[in-house]
Full PDB file with SEQRES, HELIX, SHEET, SSBOND, CRYST1, ORIGX, SCALE, CONECT and MASTER records, all heavy atoms in Angstrom:
SEQRES   1 A   35  ASP ALA TYR PRO SER ARG ILE ASN ARG VAL GLY ILE LEU          
SEQRES   2 A   35  SER THR THR GLY THR TRP LYS SER GLY VAL TYR PRO ASN          
SEQRES   3 A   35  ALA LEU ARG ALA TYR GLY TYR GLU PRO                          
HELIX    1 AA1 THR A   16  SER A   21  1                                   6    
HELIX    2 AA2 VAL A   23  ALA A   30  1                                   8    
CRYST1    1.000    1.000    1.000  90.00  90.00  90.00 P 1           1          
ORIGX1      1.000000  0.000000  0.000000        0.00000                         
ORIGX2      0.000000  1.000000  0.000000        0.00000                         
ORIGX3      0.000000  0.000000  1.000000        0.00000                         
SCALE1      1.000000  0.000000  0.000000        0.00000                         
SCALE2      0.000000  1.000000  0.000000        0.00000                         
SCALE3      0.000000  0.000000  1.000000        0.00000                         
ATOM      1  N   ASP A   1      18.880 -85.444   5.923  1.00  0.00           N  
ATOM      2  CA  ASP A   1      18.994 -84.750   7.180  1.00  0.00           C  
ATOM      3  C   ASP A   1      20.154 -85.261   8.031  1.00  0.00           C  
ATOM      4  O   ASP A   1      20.913 -84.541   8.707  1.00  0.00           O  
ATOM      5  CB  ASP A   1      17.745 -84.680   7.972  1.00  0.00           C  
ATOM      6  CG  ASP A   1      17.092 -83.357   7.988  1.00  0.00           C  
ATOM      7  OD1 ASP A   1      17.473 -82.461   7.233  1.00  0.00           O  
ATOM      8  OD2 ASP A   1      16.022 -83.193   8.669  1.00  0.00           O  
ATOM      9  N   ALA A   2      20.349 -86.654   7.971  1.00  0.00           N  
ATOM     10  CA  ALA A   2      21.257 -87.242   8.870  1.00  0.00           C  
ATOM     11  C   ALA A   2      22.651 -87.455   8.110  1.00  0.00           C  
ATOM     12  O   ALA A   2      23.632 -88.077   8.675  1.00  0.00           O  
ATOM     13  CB  ALA A   2      20.730 -88.651   9.280  1.00  0.00           C  
ATOM     14  N   TYR A   3      22.690 -87.039   6.898  1.00  0.00           N  
ATOM     15  CA  TYR A   3      23.912 -87.256   6.087  1.00  0.00           C  
ATOM     16  C   TYR A   3      25.102 -86.480   6.729  1.00  0.00           C  
ATOM     17  O   TYR A   3      24.918 -85.393   7.266  1.00  0.00           O  
ATOM     18  CB  TYR A   3      23.711 -86.802   4.757  1.00  0.00           C  
ATOM     19  CG  TYR A   3      24.852 -87.301   3.743  1.00  0.00           C  
ATOM     20  CD1 TYR A   3      24.785 -88.552   3.325  1.00  0.00           C  
ATOM     21  CD2 TYR A   3      25.737 -86.343   3.263  1.00  0.00           C  
ATOM     22  CE1 TYR A   3      25.793 -89.113   2.476  1.00  0.00           C  
ATOM     23  CE2 TYR A   3      26.757 -86.839   2.311  1.00  0.00           C  
ATOM     24  CZ  TYR A   3      26.691 -88.175   2.001  1.00  0.00           C  
ATOM     25  OH  TYR A   3      27.739 -88.630   1.154  1.00  0.00           O  
ATOM     26  N   PRO A   4      26.318 -87.191   6.772  1.00  0.00           N  
ATOM     27  CA  PRO A   4      27.345 -86.523   7.600  1.00  0.00           C  
ATOM     28  C   PRO A   4      27.877 -85.133   7.071  1.00  0.00           C  
ATOM     29  O   PRO A   4      28.133 -84.368   7.921  1.00  0.00           O  
ATOM     30  CB  PRO A   4      28.600 -87.542   7.349  1.00  0.00           C  
ATOM     31  CG  PRO A   4      27.806 -88.843   7.024  1.00  0.00           C  
ATOM     32  CD  PRO A   4      26.600 -88.417   6.343  1.00  0.00           C  
ATOM     33  N   SER A   5      27.690 -84.925   5.836  1.00  0.00           N  
ATOM     34  CA  SER A   5      28.184 -83.670   5.301  1.00  0.00           C  
ATOM     35  C   SER A   5      26.842 -82.826   5.099  1.00  0.00           C  
ATOM     36  O   SER A   5      25.939 -83.271   4.462  1.00  0.00           O  
ATOM     37  CB  SER A   5      28.938 -83.731   3.903  1.00  0.00           C  
ATOM     38  OG  SER A   5      30.057 -84.537   4.106  1.00  0.00           O  
ATOM     39  N   ARG A   6      26.957 -81.475   5.509  1.00  0.00           N  
ATOM     40  CA  ARG A   6      25.750 -80.668   5.284  1.00  0.00           C  
ATOM     41  C   ARG A   6      25.496 -80.332   3.900  1.00  0.00           C  
ATOM     42  O   ARG A   6      26.472 -79.906   3.125  1.00  0.00           O  
ATOM     43  CB  ARG A   6      25.943 -79.427   6.136  1.00  0.00           C  
ATOM     44  CG  ARG A   6      24.754 -78.357   5.956  1.00  0.00           C  
ATOM     45  CD  ARG A   6      23.467 -78.982   6.412  1.00  0.00           C  
ATOM     46  NE  ARG A   6      22.324 -78.078   6.061  1.00  0.00           N  
ATOM     47  CZ  ARG A   6      21.046 -78.381   6.184  1.00  0.00           C  
ATOM     48  NH1 ARG A   6      20.748 -79.584   6.621  1.00  0.00           N  
ATOM     49  NH2 ARG A   6      20.010 -77.549   5.833  1.00  0.00           N  
ATOM     50  N   ILE A   7      24.309 -80.531   3.398  1.00  0.00           N  
ATOM     51  CA  ILE A   7      23.947 -80.314   2.028  1.00  0.00           C  
ATOM     52  C   ILE A   7      22.745 -79.354   2.033  1.00  0.00           C  
ATOM     53  O   ILE A   7      21.793 -79.403   2.851  1.00  0.00           O  
ATOM     54  CB  ILE A   7      23.535 -81.567   1.302  1.00  0.00           C  
ATOM     55  CG1 ILE A   7      24.730 -82.548   1.151  1.00  0.00           C  
ATOM     56  CG2 ILE A   7      22.827 -81.287  -0.081  1.00  0.00           C  
ATOM     57  CD1 ILE A   7      24.508 -83.877   0.584  1.00  0.00           C  
ATOM     58  N   ASN A   8      22.836 -78.330   1.210  1.00  0.00           N  
ATOM     59  CA  ASN A   8      21.825 -77.354   1.201  1.00  0.00           C  
ATOM     60  C   ASN A   8      21.006 -77.394  -0.154  1.00  0.00           C  
ATOM     61  O   ASN A   8      19.743 -77.108  -0.232  1.00  0.00           O  
ATOM     62  CB  ASN A   8      22.346 -75.905   1.405  1.00  0.00           C  
ATOM     63  CG  ASN A   8      22.958 -75.670   2.687  1.00  0.00           C  
ATOM     64  OD1 ASN A   8      22.359 -75.864   3.652  1.00  0.00           O  
ATOM     65  ND2 ASN A   8      24.307 -75.306   2.684  1.00  0.00           N  
ATOM     66  N   ARG A   9      21.727 -77.755  -1.287  1.00  0.00           N  
ATOM     67  CA  ARG A   9      21.065 -77.681  -2.637  1.00  0.00           C  
ATOM     68  C   ARG A   9      20.991 -79.116  -3.090  1.00  0.00           C  
ATOM     69  O   ARG A   9      22.034 -79.764  -3.244  1.00  0.00           O  
ATOM     70  CB  ARG A   9      21.705 -76.767  -3.458  1.00  0.00           C  
ATOM     71  CG  ARG A   9      22.066 -75.414  -2.974  1.00  0.00           C  
ATOM     72  CD  ARG A   9      22.689 -74.542  -3.900  1.00  0.00           C  
ATOM     73  NE  ARG A   9      21.652 -73.989  -4.867  1.00  0.00           N  
ATOM     74  CZ  ARG A   9      21.911 -73.366  -6.016  1.00  0.00           C  
ATOM     75  NH1 ARG A   9      23.156 -73.376  -6.423  1.00  0.00           N  
ATOM     76  NH2 ARG A   9      21.016 -72.856  -6.791  1.00  0.00           N  
ATOM     77  N   VAL A  10      19.795 -79.677  -3.337  1.00  0.00           N  
ATOM     78  CA  VAL A  10      19.610 -81.066  -3.741  1.00  0.00           C  
ATOM     79  C   VAL A  10      19.048 -81.185  -5.060  1.00  0.00           C  
ATOM     80  O   VAL A  10      17.955 -80.680  -5.324  1.00  0.00           O  
ATOM     81  CB  VAL A  10      18.785 -81.812  -2.699  1.00  0.00           C  
ATOM     82  CG1 VAL A  10      18.577 -83.287  -3.067  1.00  0.00           C  
ATOM     83  CG2 VAL A  10      19.286 -81.599  -1.268  1.00  0.00           C  
ATOM     84  N   GLY A  11      19.710 -81.938  -5.973  1.00  0.00           N  
ATOM     85  CA  GLY A  11      19.361 -82.141  -7.273  1.00  0.00           C  
ATOM     86  C   GLY A  11      18.326 -83.312  -7.355  1.00  0.00           C  
ATOM     87  O   GLY A  11      18.469 -84.225  -6.528  1.00  0.00           O  
ATOM     88  N   ILE A  12      17.445 -83.334  -8.351  1.00  0.00           N  
ATOM     89  CA  ILE A  12      16.417 -84.417  -8.442  1.00  0.00           C  
ATOM     90  C   ILE A  12      16.439 -84.998  -9.874  1.00  0.00           C  
ATOM     91  O   ILE A  12      16.302 -84.334 -10.836  1.00  0.00           O  
ATOM     92  CB  ILE A  12      15.023 -83.891  -8.206  1.00  0.00           C  
ATOM     93  CG1 ILE A  12      15.012 -83.202  -6.823  1.00  0.00           C  
ATOM     94  CG2 ILE A  12      14.001 -85.143  -8.154  1.00  0.00           C  
ATOM     95  CD1 ILE A  12      13.877 -82.255  -6.714  1.00  0.00           C  
ATOM     96  N   LEU A  13      16.701 -86.305  -9.998  1.00  0.00           N  
ATOM     97  CA  LEU A  13      16.562 -86.980 -11.185  1.00  0.00           C  
ATOM     98  C   LEU A  13      15.303 -87.862 -11.092  1.00  0.00           C  
ATOM     99  O   LEU A  13      15.228 -88.662 -10.181  1.00  0.00           O  
ATOM    100  CB  LEU A  13      17.698 -87.920 -11.616  1.00  0.00           C  
ATOM    101  CG  LEU A  13      19.087 -87.212 -11.992  1.00  0.00           C  
ATOM    102  CD1 LEU A  13      20.206 -88.226 -12.038  1.00  0.00           C  
ATOM    103  CD2 LEU A  13      18.912 -86.431 -13.253  1.00  0.00           C  
ATOM    104  N   SER A  14      14.316 -87.709 -11.958  1.00  0.00           N  
ATOM    105  CA  SER A  14      13.069 -88.375 -11.852  1.00  0.00           C  
ATOM    106  C   SER A  14      12.279 -88.500 -13.227  1.00  0.00           C  
ATOM    107  O   SER A  14      12.791 -87.962 -14.175  1.00  0.00           O  
ATOM    108  CB  SER A  14      12.165 -87.771 -10.885  1.00  0.00           C  
ATOM    109  OG  SER A  14      11.730 -86.489 -11.346  1.00  0.00           O  
ATOM    110  N   THR A  15      11.216 -89.213 -13.149  1.00  0.00           N  
ATOM    111  CA  THR A  15      10.264 -89.180 -14.414  1.00  0.00           C  
ATOM    112  C   THR A  15       9.532 -87.872 -14.457  1.00  0.00           C  
ATOM    113  O   THR A  15       9.537 -87.054 -13.495  1.00  0.00           O  
ATOM    114  CB  THR A  15       9.200 -90.349 -14.196  1.00  0.00           C  
ATOM    115  OG1 THR A  15       8.397 -90.054 -13.113  1.00  0.00           O  
ATOM    116  CG2 THR A  15       9.858 -91.684 -14.077  1.00  0.00           C  
ATOM    117  N   THR A  16       8.903 -87.676 -15.539  1.00  0.00           N  
ATOM    118  CA  THR A  16       8.136 -86.408 -15.721  1.00  0.00           C  
ATOM    119  C   THR A  16       6.944 -86.343 -14.776  1.00  0.00           C  
ATOM    120  O   THR A  16       6.704 -85.329 -14.191  1.00  0.00           O  
ATOM    121  CB  THR A  16       7.602 -86.233 -17.163  1.00  0.00           C  
ATOM    122  OG1 THR A  16       8.780 -86.281 -18.112  1.00  0.00           O  
ATOM    123  CG2 THR A  16       6.782 -85.053 -17.415  1.00  0.00           C  
ATOM    124  N   GLY A  17       6.316 -87.535 -14.458  1.00  0.00           N  
ATOM    125  CA  GLY A  17       5.339 -87.575 -13.562  1.00  0.00           C  
ATOM    126  C   GLY A  17       5.661 -87.073 -12.126  1.00  0.00           C  
ATOM    127  O   GLY A  17       4.985 -86.227 -11.563  1.00  0.00           O  
ATOM    128  N   THR A  18       6.831 -87.593 -11.701  1.00  0.00           N  
ATOM    129  CA  THR A  18       7.298 -87.176 -10.350  1.00  0.00           C  
ATOM    130  C   THR A  18       7.678 -85.656 -10.413  1.00  0.00           C  
ATOM    131  O   THR A  18       7.521 -84.982  -9.393  1.00  0.00           O  
ATOM    132  CB  THR A  18       8.442 -88.005 -10.002  1.00  0.00           C  
ATOM    133  OG1 THR A  18       8.094 -89.428  -9.936  1.00  0.00           O  
ATOM    134  CG2 THR A  18       9.021 -87.841  -8.514  1.00  0.00           C  
ATOM    135  N   TRP A  19       8.327 -85.331 -11.458  1.00  0.00           N  
ATOM    136  CA  TRP A  19       8.755 -83.807 -11.613  1.00  0.00           C  
ATOM    137  C   TRP A  19       7.587 -82.944 -11.540  1.00  0.00           C  
ATOM    138  O   TRP A  19       7.652 -81.959 -10.816  1.00  0.00           O  
ATOM    139  CB  TRP A  19       9.555 -83.823 -12.932  1.00  0.00           C  
ATOM    140  CG  TRP A  19      10.235 -82.442 -13.257  1.00  0.00           C  
ATOM    141  CD1 TRP A  19      11.264 -81.908 -12.654  1.00  0.00           C  
ATOM    142  CD2 TRP A  19       9.617 -81.456 -14.110  1.00  0.00           C  
ATOM    143  NE1 TRP A  19      11.554 -80.617 -13.136  1.00  0.00           N  
ATOM    144  CE2 TRP A  19      10.480 -80.379 -14.022  1.00  0.00           C  
ATOM    145  CE3 TRP A  19       8.561 -81.411 -14.963  1.00  0.00           C  
ATOM    146  CZ2 TRP A  19      10.314 -79.199 -14.794  1.00  0.00           C  
ATOM    147  CZ3 TRP A  19       8.348 -80.268 -15.699  1.00  0.00           C  
ATOM    148  CH2 TRP A  19       9.249 -79.215 -15.629  1.00  0.00           C  
ATOM    149  N   LYS A  20       6.605 -83.288 -12.330  1.00  0.00           N  
ATOM    150  CA  LYS A  20       5.456 -82.346 -12.418  1.00  0.00           C  
ATOM    151  C   LYS A  20       4.554 -82.311 -11.165  1.00  0.00           C  
ATOM    152  O   LYS A  20       3.934 -81.312 -10.850  1.00  0.00           O  
ATOM    153  CB  LYS A  20       4.502 -82.694 -13.638  1.00  0.00           C  
ATOM    154  CG  LYS A  20       5.167 -82.311 -15.013  1.00  0.00           C  
ATOM    155  CD  LYS A  20       4.176 -82.406 -16.096  1.00  0.00           C  
ATOM    156  CE  LYS A  20       4.725 -81.805 -17.408  1.00  0.00           C  
ATOM    157  NZ  LYS A  20       3.759 -81.803 -18.509  1.00  0.00           N  
ATOM    158  N   SER A  21       4.596 -83.448 -10.396  1.00  0.00           N  
ATOM    159  CA  SER A  21       3.811 -83.440  -9.127  1.00  0.00           C  
ATOM    160  C   SER A  21       4.519 -82.626  -8.065  1.00  0.00           C  
ATOM    161  O   SER A  21       3.786 -82.275  -7.127  1.00  0.00           O  
ATOM    162  CB  SER A  21       3.723 -84.962  -8.730  1.00  0.00           C  
ATOM    163  OG  SER A  21       4.899 -85.339  -8.165  1.00  0.00           O  
ATOM    164  N   GLY A  22       5.784 -82.392  -8.282  1.00  0.00           N  
ATOM    165  CA  GLY A  22       6.466 -81.491  -7.242  1.00  0.00           C  
ATOM    166  C   GLY A  22       6.693 -82.225  -5.976  1.00  0.00           C  
ATOM    167  O   GLY A  22       7.059 -81.602  -4.906  1.00  0.00           O  
ATOM    168  N   VAL A  23       6.551 -83.562  -5.963  1.00  0.00           N  
ATOM    169  CA  VAL A  23       6.707 -84.312  -4.732  1.00  0.00           C  
ATOM    170  C   VAL A  23       8.047 -84.150  -4.052  1.00  0.00           C  
ATOM    171  O   VAL A  23       8.078 -83.940  -2.760  1.00  0.00           O  
ATOM    172  CB  VAL A  23       6.330 -85.846  -4.892  1.00  0.00           C  
ATOM    173  CG1 VAL A  23       7.360 -86.496  -5.942  1.00  0.00           C  
ATOM    174  CG2 VAL A  23       6.329 -86.582  -3.696  1.00  0.00           C  
ATOM    175  N   TYR A  24       9.092 -84.238  -4.719  1.00  0.00           N  
ATOM    176  CA  TYR A  24      10.425 -83.958  -4.115  1.00  0.00           C  
ATOM    177  C   TYR A  24      10.738 -82.496  -3.836  1.00  0.00           C  
ATOM    178  O   TYR A  24      11.192 -82.168  -2.759  1.00  0.00           O  
ATOM    179  CB  TYR A  24      11.556 -84.610  -4.898  1.00  0.00           C  
ATOM    180  CG  TYR A  24      11.778 -86.027  -4.595  1.00  0.00           C  
ATOM    181  CD1 TYR A  24      11.468 -87.106  -5.507  1.00  0.00           C  
ATOM    182  CD2 TYR A  24      12.337 -86.319  -3.324  1.00  0.00           C  
ATOM    183  CE1 TYR A  24      11.743 -88.333  -5.176  1.00  0.00           C  
ATOM    184  CE2 TYR A  24      12.523 -87.654  -2.981  1.00  0.00           C  
ATOM    185  CZ  TYR A  24      12.205 -88.699  -3.863  1.00  0.00           C  
ATOM    186  OH  TYR A  24      12.520 -89.917  -3.510  1.00  0.00           O  
ATOM    187  N   PRO A  25      10.473 -81.567  -4.793  1.00  0.00           N  
ATOM    188  CA  PRO A  25      10.766 -80.151  -4.408  1.00  0.00           C  
ATOM    189  C   PRO A  25       9.864 -79.692  -3.281  1.00  0.00           C  
ATOM    190  O   PRO A  25      10.536 -78.945  -2.405  1.00  0.00           O  
ATOM    191  CB  PRO A  25      10.213 -79.402  -5.709  1.00  0.00           C  
ATOM    192  CG  PRO A  25      10.549 -80.429  -6.843  1.00  0.00           C  
ATOM    193  CD  PRO A  25      10.217 -81.704  -6.218  1.00  0.00           C  
ATOM    194  N   ASN A  26       8.668 -80.065  -3.159  1.00  0.00           N  
ATOM    195  CA  ASN A  26       7.903 -79.575  -2.003  1.00  0.00           C  
ATOM    196  C   ASN A  26       8.407 -80.234  -0.617  1.00  0.00           C  
ATOM    197  O   ASN A  26       8.463 -79.499   0.374  1.00  0.00           O  
ATOM    198  CB  ASN A  26       6.416 -80.090  -2.153  1.00  0.00           C  
ATOM    199  CG  ASN A  26       5.775 -79.365  -3.259  1.00  0.00           C  
ATOM    200  OD1 ASN A  26       6.182 -78.239  -3.699  1.00  0.00           O  
ATOM    201  ND2 ASN A  26       4.648 -80.036  -3.792  1.00  0.00           N  
ATOM    202  N   ALA A  27       8.863 -81.484  -0.669  1.00  0.00           N  
ATOM    203  CA  ALA A  27       9.326 -82.114   0.557  1.00  0.00           C  
ATOM    204  C   ALA A  27      10.730 -81.523   0.902  1.00  0.00           C  
ATOM    205  O   ALA A  27      11.000 -81.237   2.087  1.00  0.00           O  
ATOM    206  CB  ALA A  27       9.526 -83.668   0.300  1.00  0.00           C  
ATOM    207  N   LEU A  28      11.516 -81.172  -0.065  1.00  0.00           N  
ATOM    208  CA  LEU A  28      12.841 -80.684   0.216  1.00  0.00           C  
ATOM    209  C   LEU A  28      12.713 -79.232   0.760  1.00  0.00           C  
ATOM    210  O   LEU A  28      13.377 -78.858   1.753  1.00  0.00           O  
ATOM    211  CB  LEU A  28      13.706 -80.620  -1.085  1.00  0.00           C  
ATOM    212  CG  LEU A  28      14.232 -81.931  -1.593  1.00  0.00           C  
ATOM    213  CD1 LEU A  28      14.744 -81.922  -2.960  1.00  0.00           C  
ATOM    214  CD2 LEU A  28      15.388 -82.387  -0.626  1.00  0.00           C  
ATOM    215  N   ARG A  29      11.863 -78.542   0.272  1.00  0.00           N  
ATOM    216  CA  ARG A  29      11.586 -77.077   0.752  1.00  0.00           C  
ATOM    217  C   ARG A  29      11.077 -77.188   2.235  1.00  0.00           C  
ATOM    218  O   ARG A  29      11.584 -76.390   3.122  1.00  0.00           O  
ATOM    219  CB  ARG A  29      10.549 -76.323  -0.125  1.00  0.00           C  
ATOM    220  CG  ARG A  29      11.101 -75.979  -1.472  1.00  0.00           C  
ATOM    221  CD  ARG A  29      10.226 -74.992  -2.155  1.00  0.00           C  
ATOM    222  NE  ARG A  29      10.605 -74.837  -3.645  1.00  0.00           N  
ATOM    223  CZ  ARG A  29      10.087 -75.478  -4.553  1.00  0.00           C  
ATOM    224  NH1 ARG A  29       9.023 -76.252  -4.416  1.00  0.00           N  
ATOM    225  NH2 ARG A  29      10.477 -75.263  -5.813  1.00  0.00           N  
ATOM    226  N   ALA A  30      10.194 -78.164   2.426  1.00  0.00           N  
ATOM    227  CA  ALA A  30       9.645 -78.297   3.827  1.00  0.00           C  
ATOM    228  C   ALA A  30      10.780 -78.635   4.855  1.00  0.00           C  
ATOM    229  O   ALA A  30      10.590 -78.223   6.031  1.00  0.00           O  
ATOM    230  CB  ALA A  30       8.592 -79.317   3.816  1.00  0.00           C  
ATOM    231  N   TYR A  31      11.782 -79.225   4.370  1.00  0.00           N  
ATOM    232  CA  TYR A  31      12.954 -79.617   5.293  1.00  0.00           C  
ATOM    233  C   TYR A  31      14.046 -78.670   5.204  1.00  0.00           C  
ATOM    234  O   TYR A  31      15.064 -78.829   5.823  1.00  0.00           O  
ATOM    235  CB  TYR A  31      13.478 -81.007   4.917  1.00  0.00           C  
ATOM    236  CG  TYR A  31      12.738 -82.139   5.545  1.00  0.00           C  
ATOM    237  CD1 TYR A  31      11.515 -82.611   5.117  1.00  0.00           C  
ATOM    238  CD2 TYR A  31      13.306 -82.836   6.647  1.00  0.00           C  
ATOM    239  CE1 TYR A  31      10.834 -83.601   5.683  1.00  0.00           C  
ATOM    240  CE2 TYR A  31      12.716 -83.963   7.288  1.00  0.00           C  
ATOM    241  CZ  TYR A  31      11.382 -84.282   6.818  1.00  0.00           C  
ATOM    242  OH  TYR A  31      10.763 -85.324   7.389  1.00  0.00           O  
ATOM    243  N   GLY A  32      13.845 -77.478   4.456  1.00  0.00           N  
ATOM    244  CA  GLY A  32      14.821 -76.438   4.487  1.00  0.00           C  
ATOM    245  C   GLY A  32      15.851 -76.530   3.415  1.00  0.00           C  
ATOM    246  O   GLY A  32      16.930 -75.806   3.471  1.00  0.00           O  
ATOM    247  N   TYR A  33      15.665 -77.440   2.438  1.00  0.00           N  
ATOM    248  CA  TYR A  33      16.651 -77.599   1.394  1.00  0.00           C  
ATOM    249  C   TYR A  33      16.177 -76.751   0.056  1.00  0.00           C  
ATOM    250  O   TYR A  33      14.919 -76.611  -0.093  1.00  0.00           O  
ATOM    251  CB  TYR A  33      16.825 -78.961   1.029  1.00  0.00           C  
ATOM    252  CG  TYR A  33      17.441 -79.835   2.077  1.00  0.00           C  
ATOM    253  CD1 TYR A  33      16.428 -80.693   2.914  1.00  0.00           C  
ATOM    254  CD2 TYR A  33      18.745 -79.886   2.367  1.00  0.00           C  
ATOM    255  CE1 TYR A  33      17.031 -81.429   3.923  1.00  0.00           C  
ATOM    256  CE2 TYR A  33      19.262 -80.617   3.466  1.00  0.00           C  
ATOM    257  CZ  TYR A  33      18.385 -81.412   4.241  1.00  0.00           C  
ATOM    258  OH  TYR A  33      18.925 -82.122   5.223  1.00  0.00           O  
ATOM    259  N   GLU A  34      17.130 -76.476  -0.787  1.00  0.00           N  
ATOM    260  CA  GLU A  34      16.830 -75.898  -2.107  1.00  0.00           C  
ATOM    261  C   GLU A  34      16.765 -76.988  -3.154  1.00  0.00           C  
ATOM    262  O   GLU A  34      17.778 -77.560  -3.400  1.00  0.00           O  
ATOM    263  CB  GLU A  34      17.757 -74.772  -2.454  1.00  0.00           C  
ATOM    264  CG  GLU A  34      17.517 -74.111  -3.701  1.00  0.00           C  
ATOM    265  CD  GLU A  34      18.484 -73.082  -4.152  1.00  0.00           C  
ATOM    266  OE1 GLU A  34      19.408 -72.700  -3.334  1.00  0.00           O  
ATOM    267  OE2 GLU A  34      18.383 -72.579  -5.293  1.00  0.00           O  
ATOM    268  N   PRO A  35      15.603 -77.291  -3.733  1.00  0.00           N  
ATOM    269  CA  PRO A  35      15.579 -78.270  -4.772  1.00  0.00           C  
ATOM    270  C   PRO A  35      16.123 -77.736  -6.071  1.00  0.00           C  
ATOM    271  O   PRO A  35      15.826 -76.643  -6.482  1.00  0.00           O  
ATOM    272  CB  PRO A  35      14.125 -78.625  -4.902  1.00  0.00           C  
ATOM    273  CG  PRO A  35      13.347 -77.311  -4.456  1.00  0.00           C  
ATOM    274  CD  PRO A  35      14.295 -76.707  -3.481  1.00  0.00           C  
TER     275      PRO A  35                                                      
MASTER        0    0    0    2    0    0    0    6  274    1    0    3          
END                                                                             
């Protein structure tokens, strides 16, 4: 959110466990980003 350049679409590199849990996609959507 505080990054100098506005970013709308955020990619995620993670383990399968993190990927399946949706922890980052859910957080990103809550902050208005597209995961």
